[in-house]
Amino acid sequence: MNPALRRAAVLAVAVPVAGTILSAPSAFAADKAVSKTAATVLDPAEQKIADNLNTRSQDTRLGSTLSGVVIDAASRKTVWGHDATTALMPASNTKLGTATAALTVLGPDHRFTTKVVYGDGTLTLVGGGDRTLTTADLTELAKTAVAGLKNAGLTSVQVHVDDSLFPEPTLATGWNDGYYPDSIAPVRALVVDGNHVTDTALDAGQVFAKALADQGVTVTGDVAHGVAASNDVPVASHQSGKLSAIVKQMLKVSDNDIAETLLRMTALESGRPATFEDGAAVVREVLGTYGISLTNYEIHDGSGLSRANRIPAQTIADILDLAADPRHAQTLKYIIDGLPVAGEAGSTLGPEWGRFDTADSQCAVGKVKAKTGTLTGAIALSGLTKAQDGRWKVFSFIENNSTAAGADIKDALDGLAATVNGCWA
């Protein structure tokens, strides 16, 4: 086993979690070792879920290509399934695997460091994979650097940016250059304010140079790429917030840039190059270590933008079940914490996206937590809810190739989630 994974496995101990609608299910503390016979028996509330889903999954808005499953979180019995092991394009549901790997390998308390070093008349801003770096952070770095320069009697410098932590950006398998710059920026180790520009490192360097100038230091020449020398003197550093908070942000708004950065940082921590392929390999390794089936599981990026990705609904549900299990709460509970809540403004399940606003689904507002996924020809919704029997259910619905409008497909999936909750009886 990879040393980072072995270390994470030791840390992933049971930590009870409060059993509110917005937290991991307390019911998971129950023994999951149930007999095969018992696992096939549905209680009346579950039978109603299954019967209703059998009917509602035939909604013409969903087309004919649907992979779906509902499992009881405590017993892991299958309440309902439809082509659950059929691998479909999962869109941003891919981020659930990315988050699992990052939290496991790096650890929830991990922070990303951006540095400034000095050598031979040059300040070099060194990227450390922090996708949350802001102009205010760079301004503080500049203030610290300027204080050091003035103490040394220096009034002018050149500015270089070092984003060599990652290789030169490329397109992932299943990407096209039409994704730039709206869906995602070229993946670099240095970026400020999440800006979507072709060269995020130069953009950050220019913000840093302006901050230096505002502090009275003359910046000579243009900001340029450069690699910091081993003997350059450290003059300032900034640490990001904890990875746990970054993961929650990524899931809440489905941030593609954070996802691809985390994929690379996870690969590096595992001793691999910071590439799409190596990051995807680590995700598979992590999921396999946890016992998640990798049958028909194929990914080529961390965000889910790749149209070549294929994941079954069963695998997505198993990842969520894993994340919500108190035995792994110390490491993975932040995935559940980061899932958007139905009707939550500022998330991908907010009213501004037209989610959970139909007569069938409005009853589930505040009662469902789920990760969305949207690409042309692929819409997914996977999460958890406490059903009418008082037990937590984990669900995953992935739809591909419907000819209906995207908003109509999302409404249909929201209705399926309300069905699992039982409020749409």
Protein backbone atom coordinates (compact mmCIF):
# COMPACT_ATOMS: atom_id res chain seq x y z
CA MET A 1 0.00 0.00 0.00
CA ASN A 2 1.13 3.54 -0.73
CA PRO A 3 2.64 5.01 2.49
CA ALA A 4 0.28 7.98 2.40
CA LEU A 5 -2.71 5.66 2.12
CA ARG A 6 -1.43 3.45 4.93
CA ARG A 7 -1.04 6.50 7.16
CA ALA A 8 -4.53 7.73 6.26
CA ALA A 9 -6.06 4.33 6.93
CA VAL A 10 -4.69 4.43 10.46
CA LEU A 11 -6.15 7.89 11.00
CA ALA A 12 -9.61 6.97 9.67
CA VAL A 13 -11.06 5.93 13.02
CA ALA A 14 -14.64 6.07 14.18
CA VAL A 15 -15.85 9.45 15.37
CA PRO A 16 -19.58 9.82 16.16
CA VAL A 17 -21.35 12.58 14.25
CA ALA A 18 -24.45 14.47 15.29
CA GLY A 19 -27.51 13.00 13.58
CA THR A 20 -29.22 16.12 12.24
CA ILE A 21 -30.48 16.53 8.70
CA LEU A 22 -27.39 18.54 7.84
CA SER A 23 -24.86 16.07 9.23
CA ALA A 24 -23.79 12.49 8.73
CA PRO A 25 -26.42 9.93 9.76
CA SER A 26 -26.12 8.73 13.34
CA ALA A 27 -27.85 5.55 12.21
CA PHE A 28 -24.58 4.50 10.61
CA ALA A 29 -23.33 3.47 14.03
CA ALA A 30 -25.57 0.41 13.74
CA ASP A 31 -23.96 -2.89 12.87
CA LYS A 32 -23.79 -3.27 9.10
CA ALA A 33 -23.24 -6.99 9.29
CA VAL A 34 -26.74 -8.13 8.34
CA SER A 35 -27.69 -11.40 6.69
CA LYS A 36 -28.30 -11.57 2.99
CA THR A 37 -31.88 -12.61 3.64
CA ALA A 38 -32.53 -9.70 6.00
CA ALA A 39 -30.97 -7.29 3.55
CA THR A 40 -33.61 -8.16 0.93
CA VAL A 41 -36.61 -7.41 3.16
CA LEU A 42 -37.99 -3.90 2.81
CA ASP A 43 -40.01 -2.19 5.50
CA PRO A 44 -43.30 -0.62 4.38
CA ALA A 45 -41.75 2.83 3.93
CA GLU A 46 -38.94 1.39 1.83
CA GLN A 47 -41.36 -0.67 -0.23
CA LYS A 48 -43.27 2.52 -0.97
CA ILE A 49 -40.02 4.20 -2.06
CA ALA A 50 -39.25 1.28 -4.36
CA ASP A 51 -42.75 1.19 -5.85
CA ASN A 52 -42.82 4.92 -6.45
CA LEU A 53 -39.33 4.92 -8.00
CA ASN A 54 -40.30 2.07 -10.30
CA THR A 55 -43.00 4.34 -11.66
CA ARG A 56 -41.28 7.70 -11.53
CA SER A 57 -38.02 6.51 -13.04
CA GLN A 58 -40.02 5.94 -16.22
CA ASP A 59 -40.59 9.70 -16.52
CA THR A 60 -40.13 10.53 -20.21
CA ARG A 61 -37.93 13.49 -19.25
CA LEU A 62 -35.30 11.01 -18.06
CA GLY A 63 -35.07 9.22 -21.36
CA SER A 64 -34.05 5.57 -21.51
CA THR A 65 -30.51 5.71 -20.08
CA LEU A 66 -30.64 5.87 -16.30
CA SER A 67 -28.43 4.31 -13.66
CA GLY A 68 -29.91 4.58 -10.20
CA VAL A 69 -29.79 3.04 -6.75
CA VAL A 70 -31.04 3.66 -3.22
CA ILE A 71 -29.43 1.93 -0.24
CA ASP A 72 -30.19 1.94 3.45
CA ALA A 73 -27.20 3.56 5.10
CA ALA A 74 -27.09 1.42 8.23
CA SER A 75 -27.80 -2.02 6.81
CA ARG A 76 -26.57 -1.34 3.26
CA LYS A 77 -29.51 -3.25 1.85
CA THR A 78 -30.62 -2.16 -1.59
CA VAL A 79 -34.00 -0.46 -1.41
CA TRP A 80 -34.24 0.13 -5.15
CA GLY A 81 -32.03 -0.19 -8.18
CA HIS A 82 -32.18 0.31 -11.92
CA ASP A 83 -29.12 -0.57 -14.00
CA ALA A 84 -27.16 0.43 -10.90
CA THR A 85 -23.88 -1.08 -12.12
CA THR A 86 -24.14 0.40 -15.61
CA ALA A 87 -21.37 2.96 -16.04
CA LEU A 88 -22.53 6.30 -17.37
CA MET A 89 -21.00 9.75 -17.79
CA PRO A 90 -21.23 11.11 -14.20
CA ALA A 91 -20.33 14.77 -14.78
CA SER A 92 -19.43 16.50 -11.50
CA ASN A 93 -20.33 13.49 -9.38
CA THR A 94 -16.72 12.58 -10.24
CA LYS A 95 -15.67 15.16 -7.62
CA LEU A 96 -16.82 12.81 -4.84
CA GLY A 97 -13.98 10.42 -5.64
CA THR A 98 -11.54 13.31 -5.95
CA ALA A 99 -12.54 14.59 -2.51
CA THR A 100 -12.23 11.13 -0.98
CA ALA A 101 -8.71 10.71 -2.30
CA ALA A 102 -7.55 14.20 -1.32
CA LEU A 103 -8.84 13.95 2.25
CA THR A 104 -7.37 10.47 2.64
CA VAL A 105 -3.93 11.13 1.21
CA LEU A 106 -3.35 14.75 2.27
CA GLY A 107 -5.47 14.78 5.42
CA PRO A 108 -8.28 17.21 6.39
CA ASP A 109 -5.87 19.59 8.18
CA HIS A 110 -3.50 19.94 5.22
CA ARG A 111 -2.74 23.49 4.08
CA PHE A 112 -1.22 24.68 0.81
CA THR A 113 1.71 27.10 0.99
CA THR A 114 2.52 29.96 -1.36
CA LYS A 115 6.05 31.34 -0.91
CA VAL A 116 8.13 34.32 -1.88
CA VAL A 117 11.89 33.87 -2.17
CA TYR A 118 14.69 36.29 -3.07
CA GLY A 119 17.87 35.83 -5.04
CA ASP A 120 20.02 37.89 -7.41
CA GLY A 121 17.74 40.90 -7.48
CA THR A 122 14.58 38.85 -8.09
CA LEU A 123 11.57 38.06 -5.96
CA THR A 124 10.00 34.80 -7.06
CA LEU A 125 6.40 33.98 -6.19
CA VAL A 126 6.23 30.21 -5.83
CA GLY A 127 2.90 28.47 -6.32
CA GLY A 128 1.96 25.64 -3.98
CA GLY A 129 -1.39 24.53 -5.37
CA ASP A 130 -3.60 26.95 -3.43
CA ARG A 131 -6.70 27.61 -5.51
CA THR A 132 -8.12 29.85 -2.79
CA LEU A 133 -5.30 32.44 -2.87
CA THR A 134 -6.65 36.00 -2.99
CA THR A 135 -5.42 39.47 -3.85
CA ALA A 136 -5.50 40.26 -0.12
CA ASP A 137 -3.19 37.29 0.53
CA LEU A 138 -0.73 38.49 -2.11
CA THR A 139 -0.86 41.99 -0.66
CA GLU A 140 0.17 40.61 2.74
CA LEU A 141 2.99 38.63 1.11
CA ALA A 142 4.13 41.81 -0.63
CA LYS A 143 4.13 43.79 2.64
CA THR A 144 6.31 41.19 4.34
CA ALA A 145 8.65 40.99 1.35
CA VAL A 146 8.97 44.76 1.12
CA ALA A 147 9.88 45.03 4.78
CA GLY A 148 12.73 42.60 4.19
CA LEU A 149 13.89 44.41 1.07
CA LYS A 150 13.96 47.78 2.81
CA ASN A 151 15.87 46.32 5.74
CA ALA A 152 18.46 45.17 3.20
CA GLY A 153 18.53 48.59 1.53
CA LEU A 154 16.88 47.33 -1.68
CA THR A 155 14.40 49.52 -3.53
CA SER A 156 13.90 47.67 -6.81
CA VAL A 157 13.45 44.04 -7.90
CA GLN A 158 12.40 41.87 -10.77
CA VAL A 159 9.40 39.58 -10.24
CA HIS A 160 9.25 35.99 -11.42
CA VAL A 161 6.53 33.40 -10.94
CA ASP A 162 7.33 29.74 -10.34
CA ASP A 163 4.46 27.35 -11.08
CA SER A 164 6.76 24.41 -11.81
CA LEU A 165 5.07 22.28 -9.14
CA PHE A 166 2.70 21.19 -11.94
CA PRO A 167 3.70 20.35 -15.50
CA GLU A 168 2.64 22.64 -18.34
CA PRO A 169 -1.16 22.54 -18.67
CA THR A 170 -2.72 20.08 -21.11
CA LEU A 171 -6.22 18.93 -21.96
CA ALA A 172 -7.47 15.81 -20.24
CA THR A 173 -8.85 12.91 -22.22
CA GLY A 174 -12.43 13.87 -22.95
CA TRP A 175 -11.80 17.62 -22.72
CA ASN A 176 -11.89 20.16 -25.52
CA ASP A 177 -10.35 23.61 -25.61
CA GLY A 178 -13.84 25.09 -25.59
CA TYR A 179 -13.79 24.54 -21.83
CA TYR A 180 -11.33 27.44 -21.56
CA PRO A 181 -11.80 29.88 -19.93
CA ASP A 182 -15.41 29.63 -18.69
CA SER A 183 -15.66 26.06 -17.39
CA ILE A 184 -12.07 25.86 -16.19
CA ALA A 185 -8.73 27.63 -16.48
CA PRO A 186 -5.56 25.80 -17.61
CA VAL A 187 -4.44 23.96 -14.47
CA ARG A 188 -1.44 25.66 -12.86
CA ALA A 189 0.01 25.64 -9.34
CA LEU A 190 -0.38 29.41 -8.92
CA VAL A 191 -3.59 31.42 -9.29
CA VAL A 192 -5.21 34.41 -7.60
CA ASP A 193 -8.90 35.05 -6.95
CA GLY A 194 -9.80 31.97 -8.99
CA ASN A 195 -9.29 34.02 -12.14
CA HIS A 196 -10.05 32.25 -15.40
CA VAL A 197 -7.23 33.41 -17.64
CA THR A 198 -4.85 31.55 -19.92
CA ASP A 199 -1.83 31.98 -17.64
CA THR A 200 -2.98 32.17 -14.04
CA ALA A 201 0.60 32.25 -12.76
CA LEU A 202 1.54 35.40 -14.69
CA ASP A 203 -1.78 36.92 -13.63
CA ALA A 204 -0.95 36.28 -9.97
CA GLY A 205 2.56 37.64 -10.48
CA GLN A 206 1.19 40.86 -11.91
CA VAL A 207 -1.11 41.29 -8.90
CA PHE A 208 1.87 40.67 -6.63
CA ALA A 209 4.05 43.15 -8.57
CA LYS A 210 1.38 45.85 -8.25
CA ALA A 211 1.22 45.23 -4.50
CA LEU A 212 5.00 45.66 -4.32
CA ALA A 213 4.79 48.91 -6.26
CA ASP A 214 2.04 50.16 -3.98
CA GLN A 215 4.48 49.61 -1.08
CA GLY A 216 7.11 51.78 -2.74
CA VAL A 217 9.31 49.13 -4.40
CA THR A 218 10.17 49.55 -8.07
CA VAL A 219 9.47 46.47 -10.19
CA THR A 220 11.79 46.38 -13.18
CA GLY A 221 10.86 44.65 -16.41
CA ASP A 222 7.85 42.44 -17.02
CA VAL A 223 6.70 39.67 -14.73
CA ALA A 224 8.06 36.42 -16.17
CA HIS A 225 8.17 32.72 -15.50
CA GLY A 226 11.18 31.40 -13.63
CA VAL A 227 12.16 28.58 -11.33
CA ALA A 228 13.32 29.50 -7.84
CA ALA A 229 16.91 28.52 -7.10
CA SER A 230 17.65 26.17 -4.22
CA ASN A 231 19.72 28.86 -2.50
CA ASP A 232 17.12 31.64 -2.82
CA VAL A 233 16.26 33.17 0.54
CA PRO A 234 12.67 32.70 1.83
CA VAL A 235 11.16 36.10 2.64
CA ALA A 236 7.41 35.45 3.02
CA SER A 237 4.83 32.67 2.96
CA HIS A 238 1.08 32.23 3.11
CA GLN A 239 -0.89 29.14 4.09
CA SER A 240 -4.34 28.35 2.81
CA GLY A 241 -7.25 27.33 4.96
CA LYS A 242 -7.55 23.66 5.86
CA LEU A 243 -8.22 21.14 3.12
CA SER A 244 -11.47 20.20 4.88
CA ALA A 245 -12.83 23.69 4.21
CA ILE A 246 -11.54 23.70 0.63
CA VAL A 247 -13.25 20.38 -0.08
CA LYS A 248 -16.52 21.73 1.27
CA GLN A 249 -16.21 24.80 -0.94
CA MET A 250 -15.44 22.64 -3.98
CA LEU A 251 -18.53 20.49 -3.47
CA LYS A 252 -20.89 23.30 -2.50
CA VAL A 253 -20.38 25.21 -5.75
CA SER A 254 -18.91 22.36 -7.83
CA ASP A 255 -15.62 24.18 -8.43
CA ASN A 256 -13.82 22.52 -11.33
CA ASP A 257 -10.54 24.39 -10.75
CA ILE A 258 -10.26 23.28 -7.13
CA ALA A 259 -11.01 19.70 -8.15
CA GLU A 260 -8.23 19.53 -10.73
CA THR A 261 -5.74 21.17 -8.37
CA LEU A 262 -6.60 18.70 -5.61
CA LEU A 263 -6.17 15.82 -8.05
CA ARG A 264 -2.60 16.97 -8.75
CA MET A 265 -1.69 17.67 -5.15
CA THR A 266 -2.98 14.22 -4.19
CA ALA A 267 -0.82 12.66 -6.88
CA LEU A 268 2.26 14.54 -5.67
CA GLU A 269 1.69 13.50 -2.06
CA SER A 270 1.50 9.90 -3.27
CA GLY A 271 4.87 10.18 -4.99
CA ARG A 272 3.46 10.47 -8.50
CA PRO A 273 3.72 13.22 -11.12
CA ALA A 274 1.07 15.94 -10.98
CA THR A 275 -0.87 14.79 -14.05
CA PHE A 276 -4.45 13.87 -14.86
CA GLU A 277 -3.47 10.23 -15.35
CA ASP A 278 -1.51 9.87 -12.13
CA GLY A 279 -4.12 11.70 -10.10
CA ALA A 280 -6.82 9.43 -11.46
CA ALA A 281 -4.68 6.41 -10.61
CA VAL A 282 -4.41 7.56 -6.99
CA VAL A 283 -8.18 8.06 -6.77
CA ARG A 284 -8.64 4.47 -7.91
CA GLU A 285 -6.04 3.27 -5.41
CA VAL A 286 -7.72 5.10 -2.54
CA LEU A 287 -11.19 3.86 -3.40
CA GLY A 288 -9.87 0.33 -3.74
CA THR A 289 -8.21 0.60 -0.33
CA TYR A 290 -11.59 1.44 1.17
CA GLY A 291 -13.18 -1.55 -0.57
CA ILE A 292 -15.12 0.41 -3.17
CA SER A 293 -15.75 -1.63 -6.31
CA LEU A 294 -13.86 -0.29 -9.33
CA THR A 295 -15.76 -2.42 -11.82
CA ASN A 296 -16.70 -0.24 -14.79
CA TYR A 297 -15.09 2.77 -13.04
CA GLU A 298 -13.17 4.96 -15.49
CA ILE A 299 -12.04 8.53 -14.87
CA HIS A 300 -9.68 10.87 -16.71
CA ASP A 301 -9.87 14.00 -14.56
CA GLY A 302 -10.84 15.21 -11.11
CA SER A 303 -13.69 17.56 -11.96
CA GLY A 304 -15.94 15.42 -14.12
CA LEU A 305 -15.60 17.64 -17.18
CA SER A 306 -14.24 14.69 -19.16
CA ARG A 307 -16.80 13.18 -21.48
CA ALA A 308 -14.81 9.95 -21.34
CA ASN A 309 -15.49 9.41 -17.62
CA ARG A 310 -17.77 6.49 -16.73
CA ILE A 311 -19.00 5.64 -13.22
CA PRO A 312 -21.98 3.49 -12.14
CA ALA A 313 -24.57 4.93 -9.76
CA GLN A 314 -23.76 2.06 -7.37
CA THR A 315 -20.16 3.25 -7.05
CA ILE A 316 -21.20 6.85 -6.41
CA ALA A 317 -23.62 5.68 -3.71
CA ASP A 318 -20.92 3.52 -2.13
CA ILE A 319 -18.55 6.50 -1.98
CA LEU A 320 -21.21 8.58 -0.23
CA ASP A 321 -22.02 5.74 2.15
CA LEU A 322 -18.33 5.50 2.99
CA ALA A 323 -18.04 9.25 3.60
CA ALA A 324 -21.03 9.25 5.93
CA ASP A 325 -19.89 6.26 7.98
CA PRO A 326 -18.77 7.41 11.48
CA ARG A 327 -15.86 4.97 11.28
CA HIS A 328 -14.30 7.32 8.71
CA ALA A 329 -15.74 10.57 10.05
CA GLN A 330 -12.38 12.01 11.14
CA THR A 331 -11.22 11.94 7.55
CA LEU A 332 -14.25 11.95 5.26
CA LYS A 333 -17.15 13.66 7.03
CA TYR A 334 -16.30 16.90 5.22
CA ILE A 335 -17.67 15.41 2.02
CA ILE A 336 -21.10 15.09 3.60
CA ASP A 337 -20.72 18.53 5.21
CA GLY A 338 -19.96 20.02 1.80
CA LEU A 339 -22.92 18.56 -0.08
CA PRO A 340 -25.39 21.24 -1.18
CA VAL A 341 -28.70 21.25 0.67
CA ALA A 342 -31.89 21.30 -1.38
CA GLY A 343 -33.02 24.92 -1.65
CA GLU A 344 -29.77 26.35 -0.25
CA ALA A 345 -28.95 29.66 -1.95
CA GLY A 346 -25.36 29.96 -3.13
CA SER A 347 -25.03 26.25 -3.84
CA THR A 348 -25.72 24.18 -6.93
CA LEU A 349 -29.05 23.13 -5.40
CA GLY A 350 -30.12 26.72 -4.81
CA PRO A 351 -33.27 28.39 -6.13
CA GLU A 352 -31.12 30.42 -8.51
CA TRP A 353 -30.54 27.14 -10.37
CA GLY A 354 -34.21 26.21 -10.35
CA ARG A 355 -33.73 23.24 -8.02
CA PHE A 356 -36.40 21.66 -5.82
CA ASP A 357 -38.97 24.26 -6.87
CA THR A 358 -41.70 22.08 -8.42
CA ALA A 359 -44.90 20.89 -6.78
CA ASP A 360 -43.39 17.41 -6.44
CA SER A 361 -39.98 18.37 -5.03
CA GLN A 362 -40.54 21.52 -2.95
CA CYS A 363 -41.40 19.36 0.05
CA ALA A 364 -37.77 18.14 0.14
CA VAL A 365 -36.23 21.59 0.60
CA GLY A 366 -33.85 21.35 3.56
CA LYS A 367 -34.24 17.57 3.73
CA VAL A 368 -31.90 16.39 0.97
CA LYS A 369 -28.13 16.81 0.67
CA ALA A 370 -26.73 15.95 -2.75
CA LYS A 371 -23.97 16.50 -5.30
CA THR A 372 -25.11 17.72 -8.66
CA GLY A 373 -23.59 16.95 -12.03
CA THR A 374 -24.29 18.64 -15.34
CA LEU A 375 -22.80 18.22 -18.80
CA THR A 376 -24.47 18.27 -22.17
CA GLY A 377 -26.10 14.83 -22.34
CA ALA A 378 -25.35 13.94 -18.71
CA ILE A 379 -27.12 15.01 -15.51
CA ALA A 380 -26.63 13.42 -12.10
CA LEU A 381 -27.85 13.84 -8.54
CA SER A 382 -26.41 11.77 -5.68
CA GLY A 383 -26.74 12.25 -1.95
CA LEU A 384 -28.61 11.26 1.17
CA THR A 385 -31.81 11.96 3.06
CA LYS A 386 -33.65 10.66 6.10
CA ALA A 387 -36.67 8.71 4.85
CA GLN A 388 -40.10 8.41 6.43
CA ASP A 389 -39.00 5.33 8.40
CA GLY A 390 -36.48 7.52 10.21
CA ARG A 391 -33.53 5.82 8.54
CA TRP A 392 -30.94 7.42 6.30
CA LYS A 393 -30.97 6.49 2.63
CA VAL A 394 -28.12 7.06 0.22
CA PHE A 395 -29.12 7.53 -3.41
CA SER A 396 -27.51 8.10 -6.78
CA PHE A 397 -29.26 8.88 -10.05
CA ILE A 398 -27.27 9.38 -13.27
CA GLU A 399 -29.02 10.17 -16.54
CA ASN A 400 -27.42 10.23 -19.99
CA ASN A 401 -28.67 11.11 -23.46
CA SER A 402 -32.15 12.38 -22.67
CA THR A 403 -33.59 14.68 -25.34
CA ALA A 404 -35.49 16.73 -22.76
CA ALA A 405 -34.36 20.21 -21.70
CA GLY A 406 -31.75 20.22 -18.94
CA ALA A 407 -34.04 22.07 -16.52
CA ASP A 408 -36.76 19.45 -17.06
CA ILE A 409 -34.32 16.59 -16.42
CA LYS A 410 -33.15 18.24 -13.19
CA ASP A 411 -36.74 18.66 -12.07
CA ALA A 412 -37.33 14.95 -12.67
CA LEU A 413 -34.23 14.00 -10.66
CA ASP A 414 -35.24 16.34 -7.84
CA GLY A 415 -38.55 14.49 -7.80
CA LEU A 416 -36.74 11.17 -7.43
CA ALA A 417 -34.81 12.53 -4.44
CA ALA A 418 -38.10 13.76 -2.90
CA THR A 419 -39.44 10.26 -3.47
CA VAL A 420 -36.55 8.76 -1.49
CA ASN A 421 -37.22 11.21 1.32
CA GLY A 422 -40.86 10.18 1.17
CA CYS A 423 -42.30 13.69 1.32
CA TRP A 424 -43.56 13.14 -2.24
CA ALA A 425 -45.61 10.11 -1.32
